Amino acid sequence: MLRILFLITIIEYYYAFQFKTFNFGVKLPTVRPNDYSLTPILLSTLNYNNNNRLYMLSNNDLCATIQVSNLQKSKEFYSKSFGMIIKKTDESSGDEVILGYENHPSSTLKLVAKNDNEAILLGDGYQGIGLNVEDADEIFKKAENSGGSVVTPLADYAYGASLIPEEDDLKQNPVRYGRLADPDGYVIEVSEPDVLEAIKNPSAGDSRIKKFVLNVINLDETVEYYTGLNIGFHELRRRSNVNSIPKDASMVSFISTSDSEKDTYIELVYEYATEKINVGSGFVKLEIGLGAKNQDPNGYFIE
């Protein structure tokens, strides 16, 4: 064991010298694939993407923490309705649980029991999670039978054209989704994969947390903030919902440390004319791999 630790230390110092930094938690400089040779150990911890940037793979993990009024009731709702499993429980106090999916461990939802008698203030900031499921109709029935309420009826809708990547202004992308509220009022958007994608990729219908949704005051400022954190966030998509079905006076941006929307991303939503946001008391924080607690321009705590 001591020999292995010694070898890892030597390798870290060697590459720290090449990268001109002794902190692997910061964003590394732009490089070309042939600028240096990587050992198998570093290949397992670093990811080279098509923008010629290097990121730590651990930063792909995302976890939203929310307060709930009845932990047992919420835990049963998410497991019975959406098939989530318990990933971890606070065994010392029993007042929090982490839920997720076995085949997609990098995105999770942490439920924390509220420890006072005050009502949970949801606010208008945190807009919940989005789930990818194979059969949305079945999920909706289970959720309603387990105490959920319908926010947006499950139906066939469409998203308008994206600005990033650029699409034809008249293009509309069909999508089938609906929104539910859990016993405390937190929103869960349920959507099915594209039909063609499901045919090509058998795992496209796997249940997983697809996104975490946050309303923002200034979209450009918020995107710039997250992409400037030096942990690999970049903008995957930007879209106006004016031409979506149903129409909505909003602009959204998807940010992620991955290069694919098949992986979990954060959806930032700017409702036109928004000047302030009440983050409420229900949403606690979003863990994105920072390693230290911080606060974004909208007042959300991130870690």
C-alpha atoms as a PDB file:
ATOM      1  CA  MET A   1       0.000   0.000   0.000  1.00  0.00           C
ATOM      2  CA  LEU A   2       2.803   2.436   0.876  1.00  0.00           C
ATOM      3  CA  ARG A   3       4.447   1.733  -2.472  1.00  0.00           C
ATOM      4  CA  ILE A   4       1.199   2.538  -4.307  1.00  0.00           C
ATOM      5  CA  LEU A   5       0.722   5.813  -2.414  1.00  0.00           C
ATOM      6  CA  PHE A   6       4.344   6.749  -3.094  1.00  0.00           C
ATOM      7  CA  LEU A   7       3.887   6.010  -6.815  1.00  0.00           C
ATOM      8  CA  ILE A   8       0.699   8.112  -7.003  1.00  0.00           C
ATOM      9  CA  THR A   9       2.434  11.017  -5.249  1.00  0.00           C
ATOM     10  CA  ILE A  10       5.357  10.890  -7.705  1.00  0.00           C
ATOM     11  CA  ILE A  11       2.968  10.840 -10.676  1.00  0.00           C
ATOM     12  CA  GLU A  12       0.937  13.784  -9.302  1.00  0.00           C
ATOM     13  CA  TYR A  13       4.080  15.883  -8.857  1.00  0.00           C
ATOM     14  CA  TYR A  14       5.262  14.954 -12.336  1.00  0.00           C
ATOM     15  CA  TYR A  15       2.046  16.081 -13.998  1.00  0.00           C
ATOM     16  CA  ALA A  16       1.662  19.079 -11.703  1.00  0.00           C
ATOM     17  CA  PHE A  17       5.024  20.227 -13.068  1.00  0.00           C
ATOM     18  CA  GLN A  18       3.857  19.710 -16.667  1.00  0.00           C
ATOM     19  CA  PHE A  19       0.489  21.429 -16.085  1.00  0.00           C
ATOM     20  CA  LYS A  20       2.166  24.248 -14.065  1.00  0.00           C
ATOM     21  CA  THR A  21      -0.221  23.712 -11.152  1.00  0.00           C
ATOM     22  CA  PHE A  22      -0.253  21.683  -7.964  1.00  0.00           C
ATOM     23  CA  ASN A  23      -4.017  21.657  -7.627  1.00  0.00           C
ATOM     24  CA  PHE A  24      -5.897  19.137  -9.738  1.00  0.00           C
ATOM     25  CA  GLY A  25      -9.185  20.718  -8.672  1.00  0.00           C
ATOM     26  CA  VAL A  26      -8.682  23.741 -10.937  1.00  0.00           C
ATOM     27  CA  LYS A  27      -9.288  23.951 -14.653  1.00  0.00           C
ATOM     28  CA  LEU A  28      -6.243  22.869 -16.598  1.00  0.00           C
ATOM     29  CA  PRO A  29      -4.856  24.872 -19.529  1.00  0.00           C
ATOM     30  CA  THR A  30      -5.918  24.153 -23.101  1.00  0.00           C
ATOM     31  CA  VAL A  31      -3.807  21.364 -24.526  1.00  0.00           C
ATOM     32  CA  ARG A  32      -3.555  19.083 -27.537  1.00  0.00           C
ATOM     33  CA  PRO A  33      -3.863  15.319 -27.126  1.00  0.00           C
ATOM     34  CA  ASN A  34      -0.240  14.746 -28.160  1.00  0.00           C
ATOM     35  CA  ASP A  35       1.275  17.381 -25.881  1.00  0.00           C
ATOM     36  CA  TYR A  36       2.050  14.768 -23.253  1.00  0.00           C
ATOM     37  CA  SER A  37       1.582  11.101 -22.474  1.00  0.00           C
ATOM     38  CA  LEU A  38      -0.822  10.034 -19.753  1.00  0.00           C
ATOM     39  CA  THR A  39      -0.347   7.082 -17.449  1.00  0.00           C
ATOM     40  CA  PRO A  40      -3.213   4.589 -17.016  1.00  0.00           C
ATOM     41  CA  ILE A  41      -3.888   6.005 -13.538  1.00  0.00           C
ATOM     42  CA  LEU A  42      -4.473   9.521 -14.834  1.00  0.00           C
ATOM     43  CA  LEU A  43      -6.465   8.242 -17.786  1.00  0.00           C
ATOM     44  CA  SER A  44      -8.971   6.843 -15.302  1.00  0.00           C
ATOM     45  CA  THR A  45      -9.426  10.202 -13.583  1.00  0.00           C
ATOM     46  CA  LEU A  46      -9.281  12.703 -16.448  1.00  0.00           C
ATOM     47  CA  ASN A  47     -11.673  13.252 -19.331  1.00  0.00           C
ATOM     48  CA  TYR A  48     -10.694  14.794 -22.655  1.00  0.00           C
ATOM     49  CA  ASN A  49     -13.642  16.310 -24.483  1.00  0.00           C
ATOM     50  CA  ASN A  50     -14.073  17.599 -28.024  1.00  0.00           C
ATOM     51  CA  ASN A  51     -13.443  21.208 -26.972  1.00  0.00           C
ATOM     52  CA  ASN A  52      -9.839  20.315 -26.049  1.00  0.00           C
ATOM     53  CA  ARG A  53     -10.376  20.849 -22.329  1.00  0.00           C
ATOM     54  CA  LEU A  54      -9.553  18.576 -19.414  1.00  0.00           C
ATOM     55  CA  TYR A  55     -11.890  18.078 -16.485  1.00  0.00           C
ATOM     56  CA  MET A  56     -12.026  15.916 -13.394  1.00  0.00           C
ATOM     57  CA  LEU A  57     -14.658  13.223 -13.913  1.00  0.00           C
ATOM     58  CA  SER A  58     -15.936  13.517 -10.352  1.00  0.00           C
ATOM     59  CA  ASN A  59     -17.413  16.911 -11.238  1.00  0.00           C
ATOM     60  CA  ASN A  60     -20.118  15.188 -13.312  1.00  0.00           C
ATOM     61  CA  ASP A  61     -22.031  14.291 -10.134  1.00  0.00           C
ATOM     62  CA  LEU A  62     -25.068  16.441  -9.334  1.00  0.00           C
ATOM     63  CA  CYS A  63     -27.265  16.291  -6.229  1.00  0.00           C
ATOM     64  CA  ALA A  64     -30.105  18.606  -5.205  1.00  0.00           C
ATOM     65  CA  THR A  65     -31.017  18.838  -1.519  1.00  0.00           C
ATOM     66  CA  ILE A  66     -34.565  19.780  -0.518  1.00  0.00           C
ATOM     67  CA  GLN A  67     -36.420  19.925   2.796  1.00  0.00           C
ATOM     68  CA  VAL A  68     -39.553  17.810   3.212  1.00  0.00           C
ATOM     69  CA  SER A  69     -42.260  17.934   5.867  1.00  0.00           C
ATOM     70  CA  ASN A  70     -42.570  14.153   6.220  1.00  0.00           C
ATOM     71  CA  LEU A  71     -39.464  12.186   5.262  1.00  0.00           C
ATOM     72  CA  GLN A  72     -41.093   8.756   5.287  1.00  0.00           C
ATOM     73  CA  LYS A  73     -44.027   9.928   3.190  1.00  0.00           C
ATOM     74  CA  SER A  74     -41.750  11.630   0.624  1.00  0.00           C
ATOM     75  CA  LYS A  75     -39.408   8.661   0.467  1.00  0.00           C
ATOM     76  CA  GLU A  76     -42.308   6.311  -0.268  1.00  0.00           C
ATOM     77  CA  PHE A  77     -43.730   8.712  -2.866  1.00  0.00           C
ATOM     78  CA  TYR A  78     -40.511   8.885  -4.892  1.00  0.00           C
ATOM     79  CA  SER A  79     -39.859   5.148  -4.669  1.00  0.00           C
ATOM     80  CA  LYS A  80     -43.407   4.013  -5.493  1.00  0.00           C
ATOM     81  CA  SER A  81     -44.071   6.635  -8.166  1.00  0.00           C
ATOM     82  CA  PHE A  82     -40.747   6.798  -9.986  1.00  0.00           C
ATOM     83  CA  GLY A  83     -38.918   3.644  -8.952  1.00  0.00           C
ATOM     84  CA  MET A  84     -36.132   5.509  -7.170  1.00  0.00           C
ATOM     85  CA  ILE A  85     -33.980   3.539  -4.762  1.00  0.00           C
ATOM     86  CA  ILE A  86     -32.273   4.594  -1.549  1.00  0.00           C
ATOM     87  CA  LYS A  87     -28.625   5.323  -2.312  1.00  0.00           C
ATOM     88  CA  LYS A  88     -27.656   6.410   1.194  1.00  0.00           C
ATOM     89  CA  THR A  89     -29.264   7.124   4.566  1.00  0.00           C
ATOM     90  CA  ASP A  90     -27.991   9.179   7.495  1.00  0.00           C
ATOM     91  CA  GLU A  91     -27.794   6.316   9.960  1.00  0.00           C
ATOM     92  CA  SER A  92     -26.877   8.523  12.926  1.00  0.00           C
ATOM     93  CA  SER A  93     -29.936  10.782  12.855  1.00  0.00           C
ATOM     94  CA  GLY A  94     -32.190   9.194  10.247  1.00  0.00           C
ATOM     95  CA  ASP A  95     -33.338  12.614   9.092  1.00  0.00           C
ATOM     96  CA  GLU A  96     -32.064  12.504   5.501  1.00  0.00           C
ATOM     97  CA  VAL A  97     -31.966  10.108   2.590  1.00  0.00           C
ATOM     98  CA  ILE A  98     -30.391  10.179  -0.866  1.00  0.00           C
ATOM     99  CA  LEU A  99     -32.467   8.777  -3.744  1.00  0.00           C
ATOM    100  CA  GLY A 100     -31.500   7.907  -7.291  1.00  0.00           C
ATOM    101  CA  TYR A 101     -31.241   5.170  -9.894  1.00  0.00           C
ATOM    102  CA  GLU A 102     -28.862   2.229  -9.893  1.00  0.00           C
ATOM    103  CA  ASN A 103     -27.822   2.544 -13.551  1.00  0.00           C
ATOM    104  CA  HIS A 104     -27.311   6.308 -13.328  1.00  0.00           C
ATOM    105  CA  PRO A 105     -25.544   6.985 -10.012  1.00  0.00           C
ATOM    106  CA  SER A 106     -24.130  10.421 -10.904  1.00  0.00           C
ATOM    107  CA  SER A 107     -27.412  12.327 -10.339  1.00  0.00           C
ATOM    108  CA  THR A 108     -29.302  12.085  -7.047  1.00  0.00           C
ATOM    109  CA  LEU A 109     -31.930  13.802  -4.919  1.00  0.00           C
ATOM    110  CA  LYS A 110     -31.379  14.303  -1.194  1.00  0.00           C
ATOM    111  CA  LEU A 111     -34.444  14.613   1.041  1.00  0.00           C
ATOM    112  CA  VAL A 112     -33.904  16.261   4.426  1.00  0.00           C
ATOM    113  CA  ALA A 113     -36.529  16.216   7.178  1.00  0.00           C
ATOM    114  CA  LYS A 114     -37.548  19.709   8.297  1.00  0.00           C
ATOM    115  CA  ASN A 115     -36.658  20.050  11.978  1.00  0.00           C
ATOM    116  CA  ASP A 116     -39.114  22.776  12.965  1.00  0.00           C
ATOM    117  CA  ASN A 117     -42.836  23.425  12.747  1.00  0.00           C
ATOM    118  CA  GLU A 118     -42.662  26.248  10.208  1.00  0.00           C
ATOM    119  CA  ALA A 119     -44.191  25.628   6.792  1.00  0.00           C
ATOM    120  CA  ILE A 120     -41.849  25.020   3.869  1.00  0.00           C
ATOM    121  CA  LEU A 121     -41.639  28.077   1.635  1.00  0.00           C
ATOM    122  CA  LEU A 122     -41.132  26.812  -1.897  1.00  0.00           C
ATOM    123  CA  GLY A 123     -40.515  30.229  -3.431  1.00  0.00           C
ATOM    124  CA  ASP A 124     -40.272  30.671  -7.200  1.00  0.00           C
ATOM    125  CA  GLY A 125     -36.636  29.734  -7.748  1.00  0.00           C
ATOM    126  CA  TYR A 126     -36.091  25.982  -7.637  1.00  0.00           C
ATOM    127  CA  GLN A 127     -38.324  24.404 -10.262  1.00  0.00           C
ATOM    128  CA  GLY A 128     -37.704  20.776  -9.413  1.00  0.00           C
ATOM    129  CA  ILE A 129     -36.235  17.878 -11.352  1.00  0.00           C
ATOM    130  CA  GLY A 130     -36.841  16.313 -14.737  1.00  0.00           C
ATOM    131  CA  LEU A 131     -37.030  12.547 -15.123  1.00  0.00           C
ATOM    132  CA  ASN A 132     -36.515  10.411 -18.194  1.00  0.00           C
ATOM    133  CA  VAL A 133     -38.853   7.399 -18.188  1.00  0.00           C
ATOM    134  CA  GLU A 134     -39.920   4.723 -20.649  1.00  0.00           C
ATOM    135  CA  ASP A 135     -43.676   4.943 -20.015  1.00  0.00           C
ATOM    136  CA  ALA A 136     -44.852   8.344 -18.802  1.00  0.00           C
ATOM    137  CA  ASP A 137     -48.521   7.313 -18.690  1.00  0.00           C
ATOM    138  CA  GLU A 138     -47.785   4.544 -16.213  1.00  0.00           C
ATOM    139  CA  ILE A 139     -45.598   6.838 -14.088  1.00  0.00           C
ATOM    140  CA  PHE A 140     -48.334   9.486 -13.961  1.00  0.00           C
ATOM    141  CA  LYS A 141     -50.867   6.956 -12.721  1.00  0.00           C
ATOM    142  CA  LYS A 142     -48.510   5.687 -10.027  1.00  0.00           C
ATOM    143  CA  ALA A 143     -47.682   9.224  -8.878  1.00  0.00           C
ATOM    144  CA  GLU A 144     -51.326  10.278  -8.646  1.00  0.00           C
ATOM    145  CA  ASN A 145     -52.153   7.108  -6.711  1.00  0.00           C
ATOM    146  CA  SER A 146     -49.254   7.810  -4.335  1.00  0.00           C
ATOM    147  CA  GLY A 147     -50.347  11.339  -3.425  1.00  0.00           C
ATOM    148  CA  GLY A 148     -48.964  13.408  -6.286  1.00  0.00           C
ATOM    149  CA  SER A 149     -50.921  16.094  -8.085  1.00  0.00           C
ATOM    150  CA  VAL A 150     -50.880  17.067 -11.779  1.00  0.00           C
ATOM    151  CA  VAL A 151     -49.302  20.447 -12.598  1.00  0.00           C
ATOM    152  CA  THR A 152     -49.070  20.086 -16.382  1.00  0.00           C
ATOM    153  CA  PRO A 153     -51.140  17.332 -18.028  1.00  0.00           C
ATOM    154  CA  LEU A 154     -49.156  14.625 -19.796  1.00  0.00           C
ATOM    155  CA  ALA A 155     -49.420  15.294 -23.545  1.00  0.00           C
ATOM    156  CA  ASP A 156     -47.511  15.769 -26.788  1.00  0.00           C
ATOM    157  CA  TYR A 157     -45.878  19.190 -26.896  1.00  0.00           C
ATOM    158  CA  ALA A 158     -42.987  20.758 -28.819  1.00  0.00           C
ATOM    159  CA  TYR A 159     -39.890  22.848 -28.096  1.00  0.00           C
ATOM    160  CA  GLY A 160     -39.006  25.794 -30.303  1.00  0.00           C
ATOM    161  CA  ALA A 161     -35.762  26.148 -32.252  1.00  0.00           C
ATOM    162  CA  SER A 162     -32.482  26.431 -30.372  1.00  0.00           C
ATOM    163  CA  LEU A 163     -30.120  29.361 -30.639  1.00  0.00           C
ATOM    164  CA  ILE A 164     -27.266  27.149 -29.399  1.00  0.00           C
ATOM    165  CA  PRO A 165     -26.754  24.943 -31.340  1.00  0.00           C
ATOM    166  CA  GLU A 166     -28.303  27.031 -34.106  1.00  0.00           C
ATOM    167  CA  GLU A 167     -31.461  25.605 -35.633  1.00  0.00           C
ATOM    168  CA  ASP A 168     -33.921  26.839 -38.234  1.00  0.00           C
ATOM    169  CA  ASP A 169     -36.214  29.458 -36.670  1.00  0.00           C
ATOM    170  CA  LEU A 170     -39.329  27.535 -37.676  1.00  0.00           C
ATOM    171  CA  LYS A 171     -38.169  24.180 -36.369  1.00  0.00           C
ATOM    172  CA  GLN A 172     -40.170  22.553 -33.599  1.00  0.00           C
ATOM    173  CA  ASN A 173     -38.934  19.501 -31.720  1.00  0.00           C
ATOM    174  CA  PRO A 174     -41.770  17.177 -30.586  1.00  0.00           C
ATOM    175  CA  VAL A 175     -41.666  15.965 -27.001  1.00  0.00           C
ATOM    176  CA  ARG A 176     -44.052  14.138 -24.691  1.00  0.00           C
ATOM    177  CA  TYR A 177     -44.003  15.280 -21.089  1.00  0.00           C
ATOM    178  CA  GLY A 178     -46.078  16.270 -18.094  1.00  0.00           C
ATOM    179  CA  ARG A 179     -45.410  17.752 -14.668  1.00  0.00           C
ATOM    180  CA  LEU A 180     -46.406  16.480 -11.240  1.00  0.00           C
ATOM    181  CA  ALA A 181     -46.054  17.876  -7.736  1.00  0.00           C
ATOM    182  CA  ASP A 182     -44.893  15.761  -4.786  1.00  0.00           C
ATOM    183  CA  PRO A 183     -46.642  15.933  -1.369  1.00  0.00           C
ATOM    184  CA  ASP A 184     -44.750  19.152  -0.492  1.00  0.00           C
ATOM    185  CA  GLY A 185     -45.361  20.792  -3.871  1.00  0.00           C
ATOM    186  CA  TYR A 186     -41.960  20.222  -5.498  1.00  0.00           C
ATOM    187  CA  VAL A 187     -42.299  19.772  -9.259  1.00  0.00           C
ATOM    188  CA  ILE A 188     -41.214  16.652 -11.130  1.00  0.00           C
ATOM    189  CA  GLU A 189     -41.250  16.803 -14.923  1.00  0.00           C
ATOM    190  CA  VAL A 190     -41.668  13.387 -16.534  1.00  0.00           C
ATOM    191  CA  SER A 191     -40.713  12.913 -20.175  1.00  0.00           C
ATOM    192  CA  GLU A 192     -40.246  10.061 -22.599  1.00  0.00           C
ATOM    193  CA  PRO A 193     -37.270   9.674 -24.961  1.00  0.00           C
ATOM    194  CA  ASP A 194     -37.609  10.479 -28.646  1.00  0.00           C
ATOM    195  CA  VAL A 195     -39.140   7.524 -30.510  1.00  0.00           C
ATOM    196  CA  LEU A 196     -36.264   7.208 -32.983  1.00  0.00           C
ATOM    197  CA  GLU A 197     -33.710   7.487 -30.193  1.00  0.00           C
ATOM    198  CA  ALA A 198     -35.495   4.737 -28.273  1.00  0.00           C
ATOM    199  CA  ILE A 199     -35.342   2.479 -31.344  1.00  0.00           C
ATOM    200  CA  LYS A 200     -31.635   3.112 -31.905  1.00  0.00           C
ATOM    201  CA  ASN A 201     -30.648   2.976 -28.248  1.00  0.00           C
ATOM    202  CA  PRO A 202     -32.280   0.314 -26.029  1.00  0.00           C
ATOM    203  CA  SER A 203     -31.148   2.151 -22.875  1.00  0.00           C
ATOM    204  CA  ALA A 204     -32.779   5.443 -23.939  1.00  0.00           C
ATOM    205  CA  GLY A 205     -35.825   4.598 -21.830  1.00  0.00           C
ATOM    206  CA  ASP A 206     -33.838   3.968 -18.655  1.00  0.00           C
ATOM    207  CA  SER A 207     -35.320   5.822 -15.689  1.00  0.00           C
ATOM    208  CA  ARG A 208     -32.915   8.563 -14.602  1.00  0.00           C
ATOM    209  CA  ILE A 209     -32.755  12.101 -13.296  1.00  0.00           C
ATOM    210  CA  LYS A 210     -32.447  14.081 -16.492  1.00  0.00           C
ATOM    211  CA  LYS A 211     -32.106  17.631 -15.165  1.00  0.00           C
ATOM    212  CA  PHE A 212     -32.330  20.053 -12.256  1.00  0.00           C
ATOM    213  CA  VAL A 213     -34.290  23.228 -13.023  1.00  0.00           C
ATOM    214  CA  LEU A 214     -33.578  26.698 -11.600  1.00  0.00           C
ATOM    215  CA  ASN A 215     -35.201  30.038 -12.400  1.00  0.00           C
ATOM    216  CA  VAL A 216     -32.666  32.849 -12.802  1.00  0.00           C
ATOM    217  CA  ILE A 217     -32.677  36.646 -12.806  1.00  0.00           C
ATOM    218  CA  ASN A 218     -30.111  37.147 -15.569  1.00  0.00           C
ATOM    219  CA  LEU A 219     -29.411  34.233 -17.922  1.00  0.00           C
ATOM    220  CA  ASP A 220     -26.142  35.492 -19.406  1.00  0.00           C
ATOM    221  CA  GLU A 221     -24.707  36.378 -16.005  1.00  0.00           C
ATOM    222  CA  THR A 222     -25.686  33.009 -14.536  1.00  0.00           C
ATOM    223  CA  VAL A 223     -24.239  31.013 -17.447  1.00  0.00           C
ATOM    224  CA  GLU A 224     -21.032  33.026 -17.225  1.00  0.00           C
ATOM    225  CA  TYR A 225     -20.843  32.370 -13.487  1.00  0.00           C
ATOM    226  CA  TYR A 226     -21.176  28.586 -13.749  1.00  0.00           C
ATOM    227  CA  THR A 227     -18.896  28.252 -16.761  1.00  0.00           C
ATOM    228  CA  GLY A 228     -16.324  30.335 -14.917  1.00  0.00           C
ATOM    229  CA  LEU A 229     -16.166  28.051 -11.871  1.00  0.00           C
ATOM    230  CA  ASN A 230     -13.298  26.078 -13.440  1.00  0.00           C
ATOM    231  CA  ILE A 231     -14.941  22.696 -12.923  1.00  0.00           C
ATOM    232  CA  GLY A 232     -15.944  22.062 -16.518  1.00  0.00           C
ATOM    233  CA  PHE A 233     -19.416  23.578 -16.996  1.00  0.00           C
ATOM    234  CA  HIS A 234     -20.246  24.734 -20.501  1.00  0.00           C
ATOM    235  CA  GLU A 235     -23.442  25.615 -22.343  1.00  0.00           C
ATOM    236  CA  LEU A 236     -25.008  22.721 -24.249  1.00  0.00           C
ATOM    237  CA  ARG A 237     -28.138  24.446 -25.480  1.00  0.00           C
ATOM    238  CA  ARG A 238     -29.970  27.773 -25.430  1.00  0.00           C
ATOM    239  CA  ARG A 239     -33.580  28.040 -26.533  1.00  0.00           C
ATOM    240  CA  SER A 240     -36.390  30.567 -26.575  1.00  0.00           C
ATOM    241  CA  ASN A 241     -39.770  29.100 -25.651  1.00  0.00           C
ATOM    242  CA  VAL A 242     -41.768  31.756 -27.499  1.00  0.00           C
ATOM    243  CA  ASN A 243     -42.271  29.328 -30.394  1.00  0.00           C
ATOM    244  CA  SER A 244     -42.672  26.256 -28.214  1.00  0.00           C
ATOM    245  CA  ILE A 245     -45.980  24.452 -27.736  1.00  0.00           C
ATOM    246  CA  PRO A 246     -47.330  25.658 -25.396  1.00  0.00           C
ATOM    247  CA  LYS A 247     -45.798  29.112 -25.856  1.00  0.00           C
ATOM    248  CA  ASP A 248     -43.918  30.552 -22.908  1.00  0.00           C
ATOM    249  CA  ALA A 249     -42.191  33.909 -22.510  1.00  0.00           C
ATOM    250  CA  SER A 250     -38.903  32.438 -21.374  1.00  0.00           C
ATOM    251  CA  MET A 251     -35.361  31.616 -22.442  1.00  0.00           C
ATOM    252  CA  VAL A 252     -33.577  28.503 -21.188  1.00  0.00           C
ATOM    253  CA  SER A 253     -29.978  27.361 -21.091  1.00  0.00           C
ATOM    254  CA  PHE A 254     -28.653  23.844 -20.452  1.00  0.00           C
ATOM    255  CA  ILE A 255     -25.271  23.730 -18.719  1.00  0.00           C
ATOM    256  CA  SER A 256     -23.302  20.589 -18.001  1.00  0.00           C
ATOM    257  CA  THR A 257     -19.837  19.141 -17.531  1.00  0.00           C
ATOM    258  CA  SER A 258     -20.745  16.567 -20.181  1.00  0.00           C
ATOM    259  CA  ASP A 259     -20.983  17.064 -23.937  1.00  0.00           C
ATOM    260  CA  SER A 260     -24.295  15.228 -24.201  1.00  0.00           C
ATOM    261  CA  GLU A 261     -27.851  15.917 -23.064  1.00  0.00           C
ATOM    262  CA  LYS A 262     -28.098  12.195 -22.383  1.00  0.00           C
ATOM    263  CA  ASP A 263     -26.218  13.008 -19.175  1.00  0.00           C
ATOM    264  CA  THR A 264     -27.747  15.075 -16.373  1.00  0.00           C
ATOM    265  CA  TYR A 265     -27.646  18.843 -16.835  1.00  0.00           C
ATOM    266  CA  ILE A 266     -28.825  22.014 -15.092  1.00  0.00           C
ATOM    267  CA  GLU A 267     -31.621  23.863 -16.882  1.00  0.00           C
ATOM    268  CA  LEU A 268     -31.501  27.601 -16.198  1.00  0.00           C
ATOM    269  CA  VAL A 269     -34.788  29.360 -16.949  1.00  0.00           C
ATOM    270  CA  TYR A 270     -35.159  33.102 -17.459  1.00  0.00           C
ATOM    271  CA  GLU A 271     -38.779  34.232 -17.448  1.00  0.00           C
ATOM    272  CA  TYR A 272     -38.853  37.507 -19.373  1.00  0.00           C
ATOM    273  CA  ALA A 273     -39.017  40.634 -17.180  1.00  0.00           C
ATOM    274  CA  THR A 274     -37.873  38.755 -14.058  1.00  0.00           C
ATOM    275  CA  GLU A 275     -36.187  41.170 -11.648  1.00  0.00           C
ATOM    276  CA  LYS A 276     -36.006  39.129  -8.453  1.00  0.00           C
ATOM    277  CA  ILE A 277     -36.381  35.560  -7.233  1.00  0.00           C
ATOM    278  CA  ASN A 278     -37.528  34.180  -3.897  1.00  0.00           C
ATOM    279  CA  VAL A 279     -35.393  31.057  -3.396  1.00  0.00           C
ATOM    280  CA  GLY A 280     -37.598  30.044  -0.462  1.00  0.00           C
ATOM    281  CA  SER A 281     -36.630  27.733   2.378  1.00  0.00           C
ATOM    282  CA  GLY A 282     -37.319  24.345   0.782  1.00  0.00           C
ATOM    283  CA  PHE A 283     -34.389  24.225  -1.606  1.00  0.00           C
ATOM    284  CA  VAL A 284     -31.200  23.802   0.428  1.00  0.00           C
ATOM    285  CA  LYS A 285     -28.382  23.485  -2.098  1.00  0.00           C
ATOM    286  CA  LEU A 286     -27.176  21.961  -5.347  1.00  0.00           C
ATOM    287  CA  GLU A 287     -24.015  19.903  -5.117  1.00  0.00           C
ATOM    288  CA  ILE A 288     -22.001  20.254  -8.320  1.00  0.00           C
ATOM    289  CA  GLY A 289     -18.484  19.217  -7.259  1.00  0.00           C
ATOM    290  CA  LEU A 290     -17.157  22.544  -5.988  1.00  0.00           C
ATOM    291  CA  GLY A 291     -15.829  21.150  -2.735  1.00  0.00           C
ATOM    292  CA  ALA A 292     -16.755  24.348  -0.869  1.00  0.00           C
ATOM    293  CA  LYS A 293     -20.035  26.142  -0.207  1.00  0.00           C
ATOM    294  CA  ASN A 294     -20.780  29.152  -2.389  1.00  0.00           C
ATOM    295  CA  GLN A 295     -23.725  31.241  -3.569  1.00  0.00           C
ATOM    296  CA  ASP A 296     -24.563  31.936  -7.208  1.00  0.00           C
ATOM    297  CA  PRO A 297     -25.851  35.316  -8.542  1.00  0.00           C
ATOM    298  CA  ASN A 298     -29.462  34.291  -7.906  1.00  0.00           C
ATOM    299  CA  GLY A 299     -28.988  33.374  -4.264  1.00  0.00           C
ATOM    300  CA  TYR A 300     -28.838  29.582  -4.651  1.00  0.00           C
ATOM    301  CA  PHE A 301     -26.352  27.758  -2.459  1.00  0.00           C
ATOM    302  CA  ILE A 302     -24.038  25.457  -4.393  1.00  0.00           C
ATOM    303  CA  GLU A 303     -21.292  23.177  -3.220  1.00  0.00           C
END
